[in-house]
Amino acid sequence: MKALATFGGGCFWCVEAIYQDLKGVHSVLSGYTGGASENPSYQDVCSGTTGHAEVVQIGFDPEVISYGELLKIFWRTHDPTTLNQQGADKGTQYRSVIYYHNEDQKEVARKSLSETDQSDLWDNPIVTEISPMGAFFEAEDYHQNYYKQNGNQPYCRMVIDPKMAKFREEFGDKMV
């Protein structure tokens, strides 16, 4: 069985790296959604004028990893309390957002957000959007599998490596 989940949590290179090696995840595709323009390019989205967010679309087997488990990872691997920003990456394209594919995902996402917001995980209130999935536009080829292909790049070393280390510490048992 295959299902889709679509999340934005800052730069899609970071989010992609987190979900790629999870048991039950079949594919992770970087792309854009949430805006009005058709077939946006990376340059278009970076301009901040398209309304699109950088996202990853995750193909997963819900019998191996649940949507709720994917959300638990989502809340712990980016800062959902900063509006339109993750670290030095600023702009609406870097917003924290969950795009649901059906009503069940919508309800699970709302419940997960509420529970996480009421927990002591974050000091500030969560600002993550929960929105219906619209058209998905695949990012350019050079954005796909970025961390695995460019792990020695400065952005990967300074930004993604620490996220991955923290992720492995907390969720290593869920990795392939």
C-alpha atoms as a PDB file:
ATOM      1  CA  MET A   1       0.000   0.000   0.000  1.00  0.00           C
ATOM      2  CA  LYS A   2       1.265   3.466  -0.803  1.00  0.00           C
ATOM      3  CA  ALA A   3       0.204   6.835   0.532  1.00  0.00           C
ATOM      4  CA  LEU A   4       1.511  10.389   0.132  1.00  0.00           C
ATOM      5  CA  ALA A   5       2.440  13.026   2.683  1.00  0.00           C
ATOM      6  CA  THR A   6       3.561  16.558   1.782  1.00  0.00           C
ATOM      7  CA  PHE A   7       5.456  18.744   4.245  1.00  0.00           C
ATOM      8  CA  GLY A   8       7.289  22.050   4.155  1.00  0.00           C
ATOM      9  CA  GLY A   9       9.748  22.787   6.921  1.00  0.00           C
ATOM     10  CA  GLY A  10      12.270  25.209   5.472  1.00  0.00           C
ATOM     11  CA  CYS A  11      14.722  24.291   2.750  1.00  0.00           C
ATOM     12  CA  PHE A  12      13.561  21.132   1.008  1.00  0.00           C
ATOM     13  CA  TRP A  13      17.116  19.769   1.018  1.00  0.00           C
ATOM     14  CA  CYS A  14      16.909  19.516   4.818  1.00  0.00           C
ATOM     15  CA  VAL A  15      13.458  17.953   4.899  1.00  0.00           C
ATOM     16  CA  GLU A  16      14.298  15.513   2.098  1.00  0.00           C
ATOM     17  CA  ALA A  17      17.394  14.274   3.950  1.00  0.00           C
ATOM     18  CA  ILE A  18      15.375  13.546   7.094  1.00  0.00           C
ATOM     19  CA  TYR A  19      12.749  11.362   5.404  1.00  0.00           C
ATOM     20  CA  GLN A  20      14.836   9.531   2.792  1.00  0.00           C
ATOM     21  CA  ASP A  21      16.114   6.650   4.895  1.00  0.00           C
ATOM     22  CA  LEU A  22      13.057   5.827   6.975  1.00  0.00           C
ATOM     23  CA  LYS A  23      11.640   2.324   7.021  1.00  0.00           C
ATOM     24  CA  GLY A  24       8.412   2.355   5.016  1.00  0.00           C
ATOM     25  CA  VAL A  25       9.308   5.426   2.946  1.00  0.00           C
ATOM     26  CA  HIS A  26       9.514   4.570  -0.753  1.00  0.00           C
ATOM     27  CA  SER A  27      10.230   7.982  -2.243  1.00  0.00           C
ATOM     28  CA  VAL A  28      10.944  11.578  -1.285  1.00  0.00           C
ATOM     29  CA  LEU A  29      10.557  14.192  -3.988  1.00  0.00           C
ATOM     30  CA  SER A  30      11.451  17.865  -3.557  1.00  0.00           C
ATOM     31  CA  GLY A  31       9.087  20.360  -5.127  1.00  0.00           C
ATOM     32  CA  TYR A  32       6.805  23.340  -4.790  1.00  0.00           C
ATOM     33  CA  THR A  33       3.146  23.759  -3.886  1.00  0.00           C
ATOM     34  CA  GLY A  34       0.745  26.154  -2.236  1.00  0.00           C
ATOM     35  CA  GLY A  35       0.993  29.037  -4.673  1.00  0.00           C
ATOM     36  CA  ALA A  36      -0.797  30.345  -7.714  1.00  0.00           C
ATOM     37  CA  SER A  37       1.811  30.173 -10.476  1.00  0.00           C
ATOM     38  CA  GLU A  38       2.018  27.189 -12.827  1.00  0.00           C
ATOM     39  CA  ASN A  39       5.294  25.292 -13.225  1.00  0.00           C
ATOM     40  CA  PRO A  40       7.415  27.582 -11.045  1.00  0.00           C
ATOM     41  CA  SER A  41      11.184  27.412 -11.169  1.00  0.00           C
ATOM     42  CA  TYR A  42      13.465  27.556  -8.153  1.00  0.00           C
ATOM     43  CA  GLN A  43      14.282  31.161  -9.022  1.00  0.00           C
ATOM     44  CA  ASP A  44      10.558  31.982  -9.196  1.00  0.00           C
ATOM     45  CA  VAL A  45       9.880  30.434  -5.794  1.00  0.00           C
ATOM     46  CA  CYS A  46      12.953  32.091  -4.216  1.00  0.00           C
ATOM     47  CA  SER A  47      11.618  35.479  -5.316  1.00  0.00           C
ATOM     48  CA  GLY A  48       8.873  35.048  -2.715  1.00  0.00           C
ATOM     49  CA  THR A  49       6.209  36.200  -5.173  1.00  0.00           C
ATOM     50  CA  THR A  50       4.691  32.859  -6.240  1.00  0.00           C
ATOM     51  CA  GLY A  51       3.075  31.876  -2.946  1.00  0.00           C
ATOM     52  CA  HIS A  52       4.646  28.423  -3.268  1.00  0.00           C
ATOM     53  CA  ALA A  53       6.504  26.713  -0.453  1.00  0.00           C
ATOM     54  CA  GLU A  54       9.500  24.432  -0.805  1.00  0.00           C
ATOM     55  CA  VAL A  55       8.116  21.023   0.156  1.00  0.00           C
ATOM     56  CA  VAL A  56       8.825  17.330  -0.011  1.00  0.00           C
ATOM     57  CA  GLN A  57       6.299  14.781  -1.161  1.00  0.00           C
ATOM     58  CA  ILE A  58       6.815  11.514   0.677  1.00  0.00           C
ATOM     59  CA  GLY A  59       5.619   8.185  -0.702  1.00  0.00           C
ATOM     60  CA  PHE A  60       5.167   5.810   2.218  1.00  0.00           C
ATOM     61  CA  ASP A  61       3.612   2.531   3.284  1.00  0.00           C
ATOM     62  CA  PRO A  62       1.215   3.276   6.180  1.00  0.00           C
ATOM     63  CA  GLU A  63       1.465  -0.344   7.302  1.00  0.00           C
ATOM     64  CA  VAL A  64       5.160   0.224   8.037  1.00  0.00           C
ATOM     65  CA  ILE A  65       5.203   3.885   9.118  1.00  0.00           C
ATOM     66  CA  SER A  66       2.068   5.832   9.929  1.00  0.00           C
ATOM     67  CA  TYR A  67       1.193   9.366   8.905  1.00  0.00           C
ATOM     68  CA  GLY A  68       1.222  10.213  12.605  1.00  0.00           C
ATOM     69  CA  GLU A  69       4.803   8.947  12.923  1.00  0.00           C
ATOM     70  CA  LEU A  70       5.833  11.071   9.931  1.00  0.00           C
ATOM     71  CA  LEU A  71       4.281  14.068  11.692  1.00  0.00           C
ATOM     72  CA  LYS A  72       6.099  13.276  14.944  1.00  0.00           C
ATOM     73  CA  ILE A  73       9.353  13.458  12.988  1.00  0.00           C
ATOM     74  CA  PHE A  74       8.187  16.659  11.264  1.00  0.00           C
ATOM     75  CA  TRP A  75       7.613  18.461  14.588  1.00  0.00           C
ATOM     76  CA  ARG A  76      11.024  17.466  15.910  1.00  0.00           C
ATOM     77  CA  THR A  77      13.225  18.182  12.887  1.00  0.00           C
ATOM     78  CA  HIS A  78      12.425  21.843  12.184  1.00  0.00           C
ATOM     79  CA  ASP A  79      11.190  24.826  14.199  1.00  0.00           C
ATOM     80  CA  PRO A  80       7.420  25.067  13.651  1.00  0.00           C
ATOM     81  CA  THR A  81       7.251  28.219  15.801  1.00  0.00           C
ATOM     82  CA  THR A  82       9.009  30.591  13.397  1.00  0.00           C
ATOM     83  CA  LEU A  83       6.872  32.258  10.752  1.00  0.00           C
ATOM     84  CA  ASN A  84       8.298  32.036   7.225  1.00  0.00           C
ATOM     85  CA  GLN A  85      11.771  31.135   8.416  1.00  0.00           C
ATOM     86  CA  GLN A  86      14.038  28.238   9.260  1.00  0.00           C
ATOM     87  CA  GLY A  87      17.426  29.393  10.502  1.00  0.00           C
ATOM     88  CA  ALA A  88      18.979  31.754   7.964  1.00  0.00           C
ATOM     89  CA  ASP A  89      16.430  30.761   5.284  1.00  0.00           C
ATOM     90  CA  LYS A  90      13.773  33.492   5.288  1.00  0.00           C
ATOM     91  CA  GLY A  91      10.656  34.010   3.191  1.00  0.00           C
ATOM     92  CA  THR A  92       7.217  32.510   2.682  1.00  0.00           C
ATOM     93  CA  GLN A  93       8.757  29.725   0.604  1.00  0.00           C
ATOM     94  CA  TYR A  94      10.352  28.402   3.824  1.00  0.00           C
ATOM     95  CA  ARG A  95       7.162  28.326   5.878  1.00  0.00           C
ATOM     96  CA  SER A  96       6.210  25.421   8.087  1.00  0.00           C
ATOM     97  CA  VAL A  97       3.260  23.735   6.399  1.00  0.00           C
ATOM     98  CA  ILE A  98       1.442  20.420   6.197  1.00  0.00           C
ATOM     99  CA  TYR A  99      -0.478  19.788   2.980  1.00  0.00           C
ATOM    100  CA  TYR A 100      -3.066  17.096   3.585  1.00  0.00           C
ATOM    101  CA  HIS A 101      -4.163  14.705   0.841  1.00  0.00           C
ATOM    102  CA  ASN A 102      -7.475  13.643   2.405  1.00  0.00           C
ATOM    103  CA  GLU A 103      -9.760  14.345   5.363  1.00  0.00           C
ATOM    104  CA  ASP A 104      -8.125  11.668   7.521  1.00  0.00           C
ATOM    105  CA  GLN A 105      -4.732  13.341   7.119  1.00  0.00           C
ATOM    106  CA  LYS A 106      -6.313  16.709   7.894  1.00  0.00           C
ATOM    107  CA  GLU A 107      -7.701  15.425  11.194  1.00  0.00           C
ATOM    108  CA  VAL A 108      -4.510  13.591  12.161  1.00  0.00           C
ATOM    109  CA  ALA A 109      -2.468  16.727  11.360  1.00  0.00           C
ATOM    110  CA  ARG A 110      -4.754  18.990  13.411  1.00  0.00           C
ATOM    111  CA  LYS A 111      -4.663  16.616  16.372  1.00  0.00           C
ATOM    112  CA  SER A 112      -0.896  16.217  16.108  1.00  0.00           C
ATOM    113  CA  LEU A 113      -0.393  19.993  15.951  1.00  0.00           C
ATOM    114  CA  SER A 114      -2.623  20.532  18.983  1.00  0.00           C
ATOM    115  CA  GLU A 115      -0.909  17.825  21.024  1.00  0.00           C
ATOM    116  CA  THR A 116       2.549  19.075  20.066  1.00  0.00           C
ATOM    117  CA  ASP A 117       1.615  22.680  20.813  1.00  0.00           C
ATOM    118  CA  GLN A 118       0.374  21.656  24.276  1.00  0.00           C
ATOM    119  CA  SER A 119       3.501  19.627  24.995  1.00  0.00           C
ATOM    120  CA  ASP A 120       6.751  21.083  26.248  1.00  0.00           C
ATOM    121  CA  LEU A 121       8.542  20.409  22.947  1.00  0.00           C
ATOM    122  CA  TRP A 122       8.555  24.100  21.930  1.00  0.00           C
ATOM    123  CA  ASP A 123       8.542  27.214  24.123  1.00  0.00           C
ATOM    124  CA  ASN A 124       6.630  29.327  21.579  1.00  0.00           C
ATOM    125  CA  PRO A 125       3.293  28.603  19.879  1.00  0.00           C
ATOM    126  CA  ILE A 126       3.330  26.562  16.666  1.00  0.00           C
ATOM    127  CA  VAL A 127       2.564  28.602  13.511  1.00  0.00           C
ATOM    128  CA  THR A 128       2.466  25.688  11.050  1.00  0.00           C
ATOM    129  CA  GLU A 129      -0.204  25.935   8.339  1.00  0.00           C
ATOM    130  CA  ILE A 130      -2.438  22.963   7.624  1.00  0.00           C
ATOM    131  CA  SER A 131      -3.764  23.291   4.077  1.00  0.00           C
ATOM    132  CA  PRO A 132      -5.318  21.084   1.384  1.00  0.00           C
ATOM    133  CA  MET A 133      -2.909  19.685  -1.174  1.00  0.00           C
ATOM    134  CA  GLY A 134      -3.098  21.370  -4.551  1.00  0.00           C
ATOM    135  CA  ALA A 135      -0.913  21.043  -7.605  1.00  0.00           C
ATOM    136  CA  PHE A 136       2.581  19.743  -6.919  1.00  0.00           C
ATOM    137  CA  PHE A 137       5.463  20.881  -9.096  1.00  0.00           C
ATOM    138  CA  GLU A 138       8.605  18.779  -9.012  1.00  0.00           C
ATOM    139  CA  ALA A 139      11.767  20.764  -8.323  1.00  0.00           C
ATOM    140  CA  GLU A 140      14.602  20.755 -10.813  1.00  0.00           C
ATOM    141  CA  ASP A 141      16.759  17.606 -11.023  1.00  0.00           C
ATOM    142  CA  TYR A 142      19.704  19.171  -9.189  1.00  0.00           C
ATOM    143  CA  HIS A 143      17.502  19.601  -6.080  1.00  0.00           C
ATOM    144  CA  GLN A 144      16.585  15.914  -5.892  1.00  0.00           C
ATOM    145  CA  ASN A 145      18.570  13.732  -3.492  1.00  0.00           C
ATOM    146  CA  TYR A 146      20.634  16.828  -2.764  1.00  0.00           C
ATOM    147  CA  TYR A 147      22.184  15.912   0.569  1.00  0.00           C
ATOM    148  CA  LYS A 148      23.261  12.455  -0.554  1.00  0.00           C
ATOM    149  CA  GLN A 149      24.843  13.854  -3.710  1.00  0.00           C
ATOM    150  CA  ASN A 150      26.324  17.027  -2.211  1.00  0.00           C
ATOM    151  CA  GLY A 151      27.051  16.155   1.411  1.00  0.00           C
ATOM    152  CA  ASN A 152      30.360  18.014   1.413  1.00  0.00           C
ATOM    153  CA  GLN A 153      28.844  21.337   0.319  1.00  0.00           C
ATOM    154  CA  PRO A 154      29.070  24.027   3.054  1.00  0.00           C
ATOM    155  CA  TYR A 155      25.253  24.282   3.458  1.00  0.00           C
ATOM    156  CA  CYS A 156      25.030  20.536   3.958  1.00  0.00           C
ATOM    157  CA  ARG A 157      27.894  20.474   6.450  1.00  0.00           C
ATOM    158  CA  MET A 158      26.710  23.468   8.484  1.00  0.00           C
ATOM    159  CA  VAL A 159      22.922  23.063   8.338  1.00  0.00           C
ATOM    160  CA  ILE A 160      21.915  19.526   7.367  1.00  0.00           C
ATOM    161  CA  ASP A 161      24.643  17.521   9.151  1.00  0.00           C
ATOM    162  CA  PRO A 162      23.595  18.758  12.641  1.00  0.00           C
ATOM    163  CA  LYS A 163      19.912  18.064  11.844  1.00  0.00           C
ATOM    164  CA  MET A 164      20.789  14.559  10.694  1.00  0.00           C
ATOM    165  CA  ALA A 165      22.884  13.874  13.788  1.00  0.00           C
ATOM    166  CA  LYS A 166      20.012  14.930  16.064  1.00  0.00           C
ATOM    167  CA  PHE A 167      17.560  12.918  13.957  1.00  0.00           C
ATOM    168  CA  ARG A 168      19.680   9.750  14.101  1.00  0.00           C
ATOM    169  CA  GLU A 169      19.972  10.109  17.871  1.00  0.00           C
ATOM    170  CA  GLU A 170      16.198  10.293  18.352  1.00  0.00           C
ATOM    171  CA  PHE A 171      14.860   8.220  15.445  1.00  0.00           C
ATOM    172  CA  GLY A 172      17.724   5.908  14.444  1.00  0.00           C
ATOM    173  CA  ASP A 173      15.568   2.859  15.102  1.00  0.00           C
ATOM    174  CA  LYS A 174      13.185   3.956  12.327  1.00  0.00           C
ATOM    175  CA  MET A 175      15.939   4.200   9.719  1.00  0.00           C
ATOM    176  CA  VAL A 176      16.817   1.548   7.142  1.00  0.00           C
END
